[in-house]
Every structure is written in C-alpha cells, then in structure tokens.
C-alpha cells in the first residue's frame, strides 16, 4: 500500500463539493463519507443537488467540511482540512494555510493508470495543488510554506489567465462564426424571400394581364359586336329626355316673345274698330238722321264697316290662336307617338339580335317589315294659312266671277281666274 499527499491552497466548502461532484458524475460514485464540524461523519450522495445539507453548505460557502473521502475502484481519495494528522506513522501539525489530499493505492486498486492520472489531474486543476519547499534562500518552515503557496497561486493565476484568454479567443471565434452563419442564413432567407416575392409578383402580373385581356375581349364584345349596353343606355337617355319634356310641354321664351307683337297689333286693330264704331254711333245719335239722307247713308255704311271690321278682326284673332293651339297639340301628340315608336324600335332591335343569336341567321324581311309597319311615320297635316275675313270675301268674289276688269288710267286690266289656274297647273 502507498500513501501520497497533495498539498492544495485553503479551499471553501463550495469548491470541495464541486470537485468531488465532478468525480462522482464521471465515475458514477454513489456515496461519499463527509465529516462536518458539529455534525460528525455522514454518508451523502454528492450528486444529489436536492440534498438539503449540500444545499446549505453551498449556499453558506463556509469552511466547516473537515474531511471528505471516497474510493474509485480501490483508489482511496480523501480531503483533509489543514492536512493529515498522521502520515507514515508520524504526527503532523495542522496547517492554517493549506489543505491536503491523500491518495492511497493498494492491491485492491483496479483503476487503470491512465484513469488514475486523469483523476489526480482533475483534482490538481480544481484545487491548484503546489509543492512545498519551492523557495530560494534559507527560510523558516512557515515562510517556505507561504512562499510555496504564493508561487502556486501565481501559477494558478497564470494558468487561469491563459485559459481565460484562450476561452475568450475561442468564444470570439464562435461568435464570429455564429455571426457569419447568421448573416449567411439571413442573406439566404432574404434571397429566398425575394425569389418568392418575385414569383408572387410575376403570378399577379400574369393574372392581371389575363384579366386585362379578358376585359378587353369583353369590351370588344360589348362595344363592337352588338353594342347592347350602349344601345340600351342611349335608348334610356332618349326616353328620359322625352318624358322630361312631356311633363311641361311649352314653348321657349324666345318663341313666346315673337307672338307678343301680333297680340299687340291685333289689340290695336280691334280697339281701333271698336273706337271708330263707338264714335260713329255717337255722331249718328247727335244728328237728325231724317233730314239729310246722304249723310245718314254714309254714317250707316261706316258703322257697318266698323262693325264688320271689329267682328272680322276678332274672328281672325280667334282663328289664328286656335291654329296655334292645334299646332301645339299636334306637336305634343307627335312626341308621344315618337316615344311609343322608340319603345317599338328598341323591342324590334332586341328581338332581331336575339333572333340572330338563337337562329344563326337574320330575321325574315317580311316579318321584320310587318313588325316595323308605320314606325316613325308621322301623319303630316297640311297647314292652311289663316285668312282674314276680308281676304276670304275677296277670294269668294274672285272665285265666283268669270272675269274681273279693272281700269288703270286709260288702260283696262282683265283678270280671268280660270286662265290663271291653267297657267299655274299647265298639265291639267
């Protein structure tokens, strides 16, 4: 059996538990014997982080673990705070500066040498072991221990510094690689997204082009093939305009203004005849009609003339106004007839187009002619001129006379109505 000591700097309970927990996890150690000041010796599964005693030791982080021992396939490892009291049958003093790890091998040790080296290396790295007596000059035993502890601490700091720099550099390389990978991933995602968006845009453009082509074809069908919608819209507009005019069928202000002079002149003419007739009647009343026969005859003829003029003017005015009313009402009836003809024509066009679509040929001309009979054929009434009664009297006299002879100075003018009619209509 061989016992060896490894001197380590003073350790707290948390560092001790950490080191031996790593060994327990690595080599599947179920229990370790721990001696705690005030608690005595207990067996604990150091891998169990839920153990309340271990949690308390780690939380408080004090120096109350006095001894901890375990075995790895016969390799005995024990921790001693302040060092072991007996080594090789010799009594030792507890050190206030360092602790010791005791490693014992015997015939029961089955652990491979390489594994033993790994275990000791793990302990040495975790606890930063040192070799006592590494000093220059003659120093006391305590000074030698302090200097050895100081050198071990410096070596540990250098090792930690190198490890920190190495890990920092490695971490930086990992961050750089992660950044590059992330950048490349984002660029790939962006390129993929751009490609997807371009594909979607291309699809939408293609769909829009197809829709545009379809609408253009539809427009051609609506506007160029049969113009159904346009024709119906025009028909509706025309019928709407006709109905608007039928609501109040009146003449324009300009046309009404042209009739005012005629009204005014007829009023003057009738007023003149009435006034002259009234004046002549007063004259006849004031004189003695039986004394002078000639004057009485003249006044009577004048009175008759004025009365005939009054009555004739009134009749002419009434006839003229009635003629205007007849033309107005005729125009209104023609507009109503035009509205009906528009409805008939629209129905006839729709029927003809439907015939062409269903039958594949045009509607028979005889059927089309019968349906369009009297369409837009407005009966034209002959507008006879309005004649004054004097004109009618003269016409009657000339029409009944075989000839009229007029003396113009020393010459005679003969008017024969029959000869004039023959000259007007030579073919008769």
Protein backbone atom coordinates (compact mmCIF):
# COMPACT_ATOMS: atom_id res chain seq x y z
CA UNK A 1 0.00 0.00 0.00
CA UNK A 2 1.33 3.52 -0.95
CA UNK A 3 0.14 6.80 0.50
CA UNK A 4 0.79 10.14 -1.21
CA UNK A 5 -0.08 13.67 -0.20
CA UNK A 6 -1.10 16.55 -2.48
CA UNK A 7 -0.94 19.96 -0.89
CA UNK A 8 -3.56 22.48 -2.06
CA UNK A 9 -4.44 26.03 -1.07
CA UNK A 10 -7.10 26.56 1.54
CA UNK A 11 -10.49 25.64 0.00
CA UNK A 12 -14.06 26.51 0.97
CA UNK A 13 -16.91 24.02 1.16
CA UNK A 14 -18.40 25.01 -2.20
CA UNK A 15 -15.15 24.32 -4.10
CA UNK A 16 -14.73 20.95 -2.35
CA UNK A 17 -18.28 19.86 -3.22
CA UNK A 18 -17.80 21.00 -6.84
CA UNK A 19 -14.59 18.98 -7.33
CA UNK A 20 -15.83 15.76 -5.78
CA UNK A 21 -19.23 16.06 -7.52
CA UNK A 22 -17.38 16.14 -10.85
CA UNK A 23 -15.52 12.95 -9.87
CA UNK A 24 -18.79 11.32 -8.73
CA UNK A 25 -20.51 12.12 -12.02
CA UNK A 26 -17.52 10.97 -14.05
CA UNK A 27 -17.02 7.64 -12.27
CA UNK A 28 -20.58 7.06 -11.01
CA UNK A 29 -19.79 7.20 -7.29
CA UNK A 30 -22.93 6.60 -5.25
CA UNK A 31 -21.86 7.82 -1.78
CA UNK A 32 -19.07 9.78 -0.13
CA UNK A 33 -18.23 9.98 3.56
CA UNK A 34 -18.17 13.57 4.84
CA UNK A 35 -17.10 14.82 8.22
CA UNK A 36 -18.65 18.16 9.09
CA UNK A 37 -17.76 20.16 12.16
CA UNK A 38 -20.62 19.88 14.62
CA UNK A 39 -22.40 17.20 12.56
CA UNK A 40 -19.89 14.31 12.73
CA UNK A 41 -19.49 11.87 9.84
CA UNK A 42 -22.29 11.20 7.35
CA UNK A 43 -22.64 9.31 4.08
CA UNK A 44 -24.03 11.56 1.28
CA UNK A 45 -24.74 11.10 -2.43
CA UNK A 46 -22.91 14.25 -3.52
CA UNK A 47 -24.56 14.11 -6.96
CA UNK A 48 -27.96 14.84 -5.40
CA UNK A 49 -28.35 18.61 -5.72
CA UNK A 50 -31.68 18.46 -3.90
CA UNK A 51 -29.99 17.29 -0.66
CA UNK A 52 -30.75 19.94 1.96
CA UNK A 53 -27.35 19.52 3.73
CA UNK A 54 -25.42 20.04 0.48
CA UNK A 55 -27.62 22.99 -0.44
CA UNK A 56 -26.91 24.60 2.92
CA UNK A 57 -23.13 24.06 2.55
CA UNK A 58 -23.08 25.52 -0.96
CA UNK A 59 -25.31 28.44 -0.02
CA UNK A 60 -23.35 29.49 3.05
CA UNK A 61 -19.95 28.80 1.41
CA UNK A 62 -18.03 28.41 4.69
CA UNK A 63 -15.15 26.14 5.84
CA UNK A 64 -16.85 23.55 8.02
CA UNK A 65 -16.12 20.39 5.98
CA UNK A 66 -13.24 18.80 7.88
CA UNK A 67 -12.86 15.59 5.95
CA UNK A 68 -14.27 14.01 2.78
CA UNK A 69 -13.29 10.59 1.45
CA UNK A 70 -14.30 8.28 -1.39
CA UNK A 71 -12.99 5.31 -3.39
CA UNK A 72 -12.78 4.87 -7.16
CA UNK A 73 -12.27 1.20 -7.99
CA UNK A 74 -9.95 0.73 -4.99
CA UNK A 75 -8.24 4.15 -5.35
CA UNK A 76 -8.72 5.87 -1.99
CA UNK A 77 -9.04 9.68 -2.13
CA UNK A 78 -9.59 11.79 0.96
CA UNK A 79 -9.63 15.51 1.64
CA UNK A 80 -8.19 16.84 4.95
CA UNK A 81 -8.63 20.42 6.03
CA UNK A 82 -5.26 21.72 7.36
CA UNK A 83 -3.57 18.46 6.37
CA UNK A 84 -3.48 14.92 7.77
CA UNK A 85 -2.51 14.39 11.40
CA UNK A 86 -0.57 11.15 10.80
CA UNK A 87 1.42 10.30 7.76
CA UNK A 88 3.78 7.30 7.58
CA UNK A 89 3.36 6.75 11.34
CA UNK A 90 4.46 10.35 12.06
CA UNK A 91 2.39 13.01 13.74
CA UNK A 92 1.88 16.28 11.83
CA UNK A 93 0.62 19.68 12.76
CA UNK A 94 -2.46 21.17 11.15
CA UNK A 95 -1.60 23.96 8.70
CA UNK A 96 -3.58 27.23 8.80
CA UNK A 97 -2.60 27.97 5.17
CA UNK A 98 -3.17 24.88 3.11
CA UNK A 99 -5.14 21.64 2.93
CA UNK A 100 -4.08 18.19 1.78
CA UNK A 101 -5.44 15.48 -0.50
CA UNK A 102 -4.41 11.95 0.50
CA UNK A 103 -4.26 9.37 -2.29
CA UNK A 104 -3.86 5.68 -1.38
CA UNK A 105 -3.31 2.77 -3.76
CA UNK A 106 -3.23 -0.92 -2.74
CA UNK A 107 -3.71 -4.39 -4.10
CA UNK A 108 -7.45 -3.76 -4.42
CA UNK A 109 -6.95 -0.85 -6.82
CA UNK A 110 -8.27 -1.91 -10.23
CA UNK A 111 -8.36 1.54 -11.81
CA UNK A 112 -6.24 1.90 -14.90
CA UNK A 113 -3.08 4.03 -14.53
CA UNK A 114 -4.26 6.42 -17.17
CA UNK A 115 -7.51 6.86 -15.28
CA UNK A 116 -5.55 7.44 -12.06
CA UNK A 117 -3.59 10.19 -13.81
CA UNK A 118 -6.85 11.74 -15.03
CA UNK A 119 -8.30 11.70 -11.50
CA UNK A 120 -5.20 13.31 -9.98
CA UNK A 121 -5.04 15.85 -12.83
CA UNK A 122 -8.67 16.80 -12.23
CA UNK A 123 -8.02 17.29 -8.52
CA UNK A 124 -4.82 19.25 -9.20
CA UNK A 125 -6.56 21.60 -11.64
CA UNK A 126 -9.58 22.13 -9.43
CA UNK A 127 -7.60 22.75 -6.24
CA UNK A 128 -4.40 24.22 -7.78
CA UNK A 129 -2.02 21.90 -5.95
CA UNK A 130 1.53 23.03 -5.14
CA UNK A 131 4.81 21.51 -3.93
CA UNK A 132 6.08 22.71 -0.56
CA UNK A 133 9.69 23.97 -0.32
CA UNK A 134 9.79 25.85 -3.70
CA UNK A 135 11.75 28.86 -2.42
CA UNK A 136 15.18 30.49 -2.68
CA UNK A 137 17.39 31.01 0.38
CA UNK A 138 17.10 29.90 3.93
CA UNK A 139 13.60 30.43 5.19
CA UNK A 140 11.67 29.13 8.09
CA UNK A 141 9.27 26.30 7.62
CA UNK A 142 6.28 28.64 7.74
CA UNK A 143 7.87 31.05 5.27
CA UNK A 144 8.66 28.20 2.92
CA UNK A 145 5.05 27.11 3.07
CA UNK A 146 3.81 30.66 2.46
CA UNK A 147 6.15 31.15 -0.48
CA UNK A 148 5.19 27.80 -1.93
CA UNK A 149 1.57 28.79 -1.53
CA UNK A 150 2.27 32.14 -3.17
CA UNK A 151 4.04 30.52 -6.14
CA UNK A 152 1.27 28.00 -6.54
CA UNK A 153 -1.23 30.85 -6.52
CA UNK A 154 0.73 32.74 -9.17
CA UNK A 155 0.98 29.63 -11.31
CA UNK A 156 -2.73 29.13 -10.91
CA UNK A 157 -3.42 32.73 -11.92
CA UNK A 158 -1.20 32.40 -14.98
CA UNK A 159 -2.95 29.21 -15.94
CA UNK A 160 -6.33 30.84 -15.40
CA UNK A 161 -5.21 33.87 -17.41
CA UNK A 162 -4.06 31.70 -20.31
CA UNK A 163 -7.26 29.67 -20.09
CA UNK A 164 -9.34 32.85 -19.95
CA UNK A 165 -7.56 34.34 -22.97
CA UNK A 166 -7.91 31.07 -24.86
CA UNK A 167 -11.58 30.77 -23.98
CA UNK A 168 -12.15 34.43 -24.83
CA UNK A 169 -10.49 33.95 -28.20
CA UNK A 170 -12.45 30.76 -28.77
CA UNK A 171 -15.67 32.47 -27.71
CA UNK A 172 -14.91 35.34 -30.07
CA UNK A 173 -14.27 32.89 -32.88
CA UNK A 174 -17.52 31.16 -32.06
CA UNK A 175 -19.37 34.49 -32.03
CA UNK A 176 -17.75 35.44 -35.36
CA UNK A 177 -18.66 32.10 -36.87
CA UNK A 178 -22.18 32.35 -35.43
CA UNK A 179 -22.47 35.89 -36.81
CA UNK A 180 -21.28 34.75 -40.23
CA UNK A 181 -23.66 31.80 -40.17
CA UNK A 182 -26.49 34.05 -39.04
CA UNK A 183 -25.62 36.62 -41.70
CA UNK A 184 -25.45 33.93 -44.35
CA UNK A 185 -28.72 32.48 -43.10
CA UNK A 186 -30.38 35.91 -43.22
CA UNK A 187 -28.99 36.54 -46.70
CA UNK A 188 -30.27 33.16 -47.83
CA UNK A 189 -33.66 33.86 -46.26
CA UNK A 190 -33.72 37.29 -47.87
CA UNK A 191 -32.79 35.87 -51.26
CA UNK A 192 -35.40 33.16 -50.82
CA UNK A 193 -37.99 35.74 -49.79
CA UNK A 194 -37.09 37.96 -52.74
CA UNK A 195 -37.41 34.99 -55.08
CA UNK A 196 -40.78 34.08 -53.55
CA UNK A 197 -41.98 37.70 -53.78
CA UNK A 198 -40.81 37.95 -57.38
CA UNK A 199 -42.63 34.71 -58.15
CA UNK A 200 -45.77 36.06 -56.47
CA UNK A 201 -45.44 39.37 -58.33
CA UNK A 202 -44.94 37.52 -61.60
CA UNK A 203 -48.02 35.42 -60.88
CA UNK A 204 -50.04 38.52 -60.02
CA UNK A 205 -48.81 40.30 -63.15
CA UNK A 206 -49.71 37.28 -65.24
CA UNK A 207 -53.14 37.15 -63.60
CA UNK A 208 -53.63 40.87 -64.19
CA UNK A 209 -52.58 40.54 -67.81
CA UNK A 210 -55.04 37.69 -68.26
CA UNK A 211 -57.75 39.73 -66.56
CA UNK A 212 -56.90 42.72 -68.72
CA UNK A 213 -57.07 40.60 -71.86
CA UNK A 214 -60.38 39.13 -70.73
CA UNK A 215 -61.77 42.60 -70.03
CA UNK A 216 -60.55 43.87 -73.39
CA UNK A 217 -62.25 40.92 -75.09
CA UNK A 218 -65.37 41.58 -73.09
CA UNK A 219 -65.22 45.24 -74.02
CA UNK A 220 -64.97 44.33 -77.67
CA UNK A 221 -67.94 42.01 -77.24
CA UNK A 222 -69.94 44.74 -75.55
CA UNK A 223 -68.94 47.65 -77.78
CA UNK A 224 -68.02 46.17 -81.15
CA UNK A 225 -70.10 43.01 -81.52
CA UNK A 226 -73.63 44.07 -80.63
CA UNK A 227 -73.35 47.31 -78.59
CA UNK A 228 -76.18 46.05 -76.43
CA UNK A 229 -75.35 48.02 -73.29
CA UNK A 230 -74.50 51.20 -75.20
CA UNK A 231 -77.67 50.96 -77.28
CA UNK A 232 -79.84 50.38 -74.22
CA UNK A 233 -78.20 53.28 -72.41
CA UNK A 234 -78.87 55.61 -75.37
CA UNK A 235 -82.50 54.43 -75.52
CA UNK A 236 -82.95 55.08 -71.80
CA UNK A 237 -81.46 58.56 -72.18
CA UNK A 238 -83.74 59.39 -75.12
CA UNK A 239 -86.86 58.14 -73.31
CA UNK A 240 -85.87 60.03 -70.21
CA UNK A 241 -85.49 63.25 -72.19
CA UNK A 242 -88.86 62.71 -73.88
CA UNK A 243 -90.59 62.16 -70.55
CA UNK A 244 -88.95 65.24 -69.08
CA UNK A 245 -90.27 67.33 -71.96
CA UNK A 246 -93.73 65.83 -71.66
CA UNK A 247 -94.02 66.95 -68.06
CA UNK A 248 -94.28 70.56 -69.20
CA UNK A 249 -94.64 70.90 -72.97
CA UNK A 250 -94.33 74.63 -73.52
CA UNK A 251 -92.69 76.97 -75.96
CA UNK A 252 -89.45 78.69 -75.28
CA UNK A 253 -89.35 82.25 -74.05
CA UNK A 254 -87.97 83.39 -77.40
CA UNK A 255 -90.87 81.86 -79.35
CA UNK A 256 -93.37 83.34 -76.92
CA UNK A 257 -91.74 86.74 -77.35
CA UNK A 258 -92.23 86.55 -81.14
CA UNK A 259 -96.03 86.30 -80.64
CA UNK A 260 -96.27 89.42 -78.50
CA UNK A 261 -96.21 91.91 -81.45
CA UNK A 262 -99.12 90.06 -83.09
CA UNK A 263 -101.14 90.20 -79.88
CA UNK A 264 -100.35 93.89 -79.58
CA UNK A 265 -101.27 94.74 -83.18
CA UNK A 266 -104.50 92.73 -83.05
CA UNK A 267 -105.45 94.52 -79.85
CA UNK A 268 -104.79 97.85 -81.56
CA UNK A 269 -106.78 96.83 -84.63
CA UNK A 270 -109.77 95.60 -82.63
CA UNK A 271 -109.55 98.67 -80.42
CA UNK A 272 -109.47 100.90 -83.47
CA UNK A 273 -112.58 99.36 -84.99
CA UNK A 274 -114.40 99.41 -81.67
CA UNK A 275 -113.45 103.02 -81.04
CA UNK A 276 -114.39 104.16 -84.51
CA UNK A 277 -117.67 102.26 -84.30
CA UNK A 278 -118.45 103.87 -80.95
CA UNK A 279 -117.52 107.34 -82.26
CA UNK A 280 -119.62 106.89 -85.37
CA UNK A 281 -122.55 105.72 -83.24
CA UNK A 282 -122.32 108.89 -81.13
CA UNK A 283 -122.26 111.03 -84.28
CA UNK A 284 -125.34 109.26 -85.60
CA UNK A 285 -127.07 109.83 -82.30
CA UNK A 286 -126.29 113.55 -82.25
CA UNK A 287 -127.57 114.43 -85.74
CA UNK A 288 -131.02 114.22 -87.22
CA UNK A 289 -130.88 111.18 -89.43
CA UNK A 290 -134.09 112.04 -91.32
CA UNK A 291 -133.01 115.49 -92.53
CA UNK A 292 -130.00 114.51 -94.62
CA UNK A 293 -130.36 111.15 -96.31
CA UNK A 294 -126.90 111.18 -97.86
CA UNK A 295 -125.10 111.74 -94.53
CA UNK A 296 -127.25 109.08 -92.89
CA UNK A 297 -126.32 106.61 -95.62
CA UNK A 298 -122.60 107.35 -95.28
CA UNK A 299 -122.68 107.04 -91.49
CA UNK A 300 -124.61 103.80 -91.73
CA UNK A 301 -122.12 102.34 -94.23
CA UNK A 302 -119.27 103.40 -91.99
CA UNK A 303 -120.97 101.88 -88.96
CA UNK A 304 -121.47 98.62 -90.82
CA UNK A 305 -117.84 98.68 -91.97
CA UNK A 306 -116.56 99.30 -88.44
CA UNK A 307 -118.73 96.53 -87.05
CA UNK A 308 -117.63 94.12 -89.75
CA UNK A 309 -114.02 95.12 -89.12
CA UNK A 310 -114.42 94.50 -85.40
CA UNK A 311 -116.13 91.16 -85.85
CA UNK A 312 -113.73 90.09 -88.58
CA UNK A 313 -110.66 91.06 -86.55
CA UNK A 314 -111.98 89.18 -83.53
CA UNK A 315 -112.75 86.10 -85.64
CA UNK A 316 -109.32 86.29 -87.30
CA UNK A 317 -107.63 86.56 -83.89
CA UNK A 318 -109.61 83.60 -82.57
CA UNK A 319 -108.86 81.54 -85.66
CA UNK A 320 -105.16 82.43 -85.50
CA UNK A 321 -104.95 81.49 -81.80
CA UNK A 322 -106.86 78.26 -82.43
CA UNK A 323 -104.47 77.39 -85.27
CA UNK A 324 -101.53 77.93 -82.95
CA UNK A 325 -103.18 75.67 -80.35
CA UNK A 326 -103.76 72.97 -82.96
CA UNK A 327 -100.07 73.03 -83.96
CA UNK A 328 -99.02 72.89 -80.31
CA UNK A 329 -101.26 69.93 -79.51
CA UNK A 330 -100.21 68.19 -82.73
CA UNK A 331 -96.56 68.54 -81.77
CA UNK A 332 -97.32 67.12 -78.30
CA UNK A 333 -99.15 64.11 -79.79
CA UNK A 334 -96.27 63.59 -82.21
CA UNK A 335 -93.85 63.47 -79.27
CA UNK A 336 -95.96 60.84 -77.53
CA UNK A 337 -96.09 58.88 -80.78
CA UNK A 338 -92.30 59.23 -81.07
CA UNK A 339 -91.92 57.78 -77.55
CA UNK A 340 -94.03 54.77 -78.49
CA UNK A 341 -92.07 54.35 -81.72
CA UNK A 342 -88.81 54.40 -79.73
CA UNK A 343 -90.11 51.62 -77.50
CA UNK A 344 -91.24 49.61 -80.53
CA UNK A 345 -87.93 50.17 -82.33
CA UNK A 346 -85.90 49.11 -79.27
CA UNK A 347 -88.03 45.98 -78.88
CA UNK A 348 -87.65 45.24 -82.60
CA UNK A 349 -83.83 45.61 -82.44
CA UNK A 350 -83.58 43.39 -79.35
CA UNK A 351 -85.83 40.79 -80.98
CA UNK A 352 -83.80 40.88 -84.18
CA UNK A 353 -80.48 40.45 -82.32
CA UNK A 354 -81.92 37.62 -80.22
CA UNK A 355 -83.20 36.01 -83.42
CA UNK A 356 -79.68 36.22 -84.90
CA UNK A 357 -78.14 34.67 -81.77
CA UNK A 358 -80.66 31.86 -81.44
CA UNK A 359 -81.33 31.05 -85.09
CA UNK A 360 -77.94 31.89 -86.53
CA UNK A 361 -79.46 33.91 -89.38
CA UNK A 362 -81.27 37.18 -89.92
CA UNK A 363 -84.97 37.70 -89.30
CA UNK A 364 -87.11 37.25 -92.47
CA UNK A 365 -87.64 40.60 -94.23
CA UNK A 366 -91.40 40.07 -94.44
CA UNK A 367 -91.68 39.53 -90.68
CA UNK A 368 -89.36 42.47 -89.99
CA UNK A 369 -91.35 44.73 -92.34
CA UNK A 370 -94.66 43.78 -90.74
CA UNK A 371 -93.30 44.45 -87.25
CA UNK A 372 -91.86 47.81 -88.35
CA UNK A 373 -95.07 48.90 -90.12
CA UNK A 374 -95.87 52.63 -89.65
CA UNK A 375 -92.77 53.01 -87.47
CA UNK A 376 -91.71 56.68 -87.20
CA UNK A 377 -94.31 57.61 -89.80
CA UNK A 378 -95.92 60.79 -88.51
CA UNK A 379 -99.08 61.90 -90.26
CA UNK A 380 -98.35 65.22 -91.83
CA UNK A 381 -101.26 67.68 -91.65
CA UNK A 382 -101.47 70.41 -94.20
CA UNK A 383 -101.12 73.79 -92.53
CA UNK A 384 -103.59 76.06 -94.26
CA UNK A 385 -102.86 79.77 -93.95
CA UNK A 386 -105.10 81.79 -91.66
CA UNK A 387 -107.05 84.29 -93.82
CA UNK A 388 -108.75 87.42 -92.68
CA UNK A 389 -112.49 87.58 -93.47
CA UNK A 390 -111.72 90.37 -95.97
CA UNK A 391 -109.32 88.05 -97.77
CA UNK A 392 -111.91 85.30 -97.76
CA UNK A 393 -114.53 87.72 -99.15
CA UNK A 394 -112.23 88.77 -101.96
CA UNK A 395 -111.41 85.18 -102.74
CA UNK A 396 -115.06 84.29 -102.83
CA UNK A 397 -115.86 87.19 -105.14
CA UNK A 398 -112.98 86.36 -107.48
CA UNK A 399 -113.78 82.66 -107.39
CA UNK A 400 -117.40 83.17 -108.38
CA UNK A 401 -116.68 85.83 -111.01
CA UNK A 402 -115.84 84.73 -114.54
CA UNK A 403 -113.58 87.73 -115.03
CA UNK A 404 -112.66 90.95 -113.30
CA UNK A 405 -111.94 94.15 -115.19
CA UNK A 406 -110.01 96.93 -113.54
CA UNK A 407 -109.43 100.39 -115.04
CA UNK A 408 -105.98 101.79 -114.54
CA UNK A 409 -105.92 105.23 -116.06
CA UNK A 410 -106.79 104.88 -119.73
CA UNK A 411 -105.97 101.10 -119.71
CA UNK A 412 -108.19 98.17 -118.75
CA UNK A 413 -106.89 95.12 -116.86
CA UNK A 414 -108.87 91.89 -117.16
CA UNK A 415 -108.30 89.05 -114.64
CA UNK A 416 -109.65 85.61 -115.56
CA UNK A 417 -109.38 83.12 -112.62
CA UNK A 418 -109.72 80.06 -114.87
CA UNK A 419 -106.83 81.14 -117.11
CA UNK A 420 -104.73 81.86 -114.03
CA UNK A 421 -105.41 78.32 -112.73
CA UNK A 422 -104.38 76.81 -116.05
CA UNK A 423 -101.16 78.80 -116.02
CA UNK A 424 -100.48 77.57 -112.50
CA UNK A 425 -101.16 73.89 -113.46
CA UNK A 426 -100.24 73.53 -117.16
CA UNK A 427 -100.54 69.70 -117.04
CA UNK A 428 -104.27 69.78 -116.24
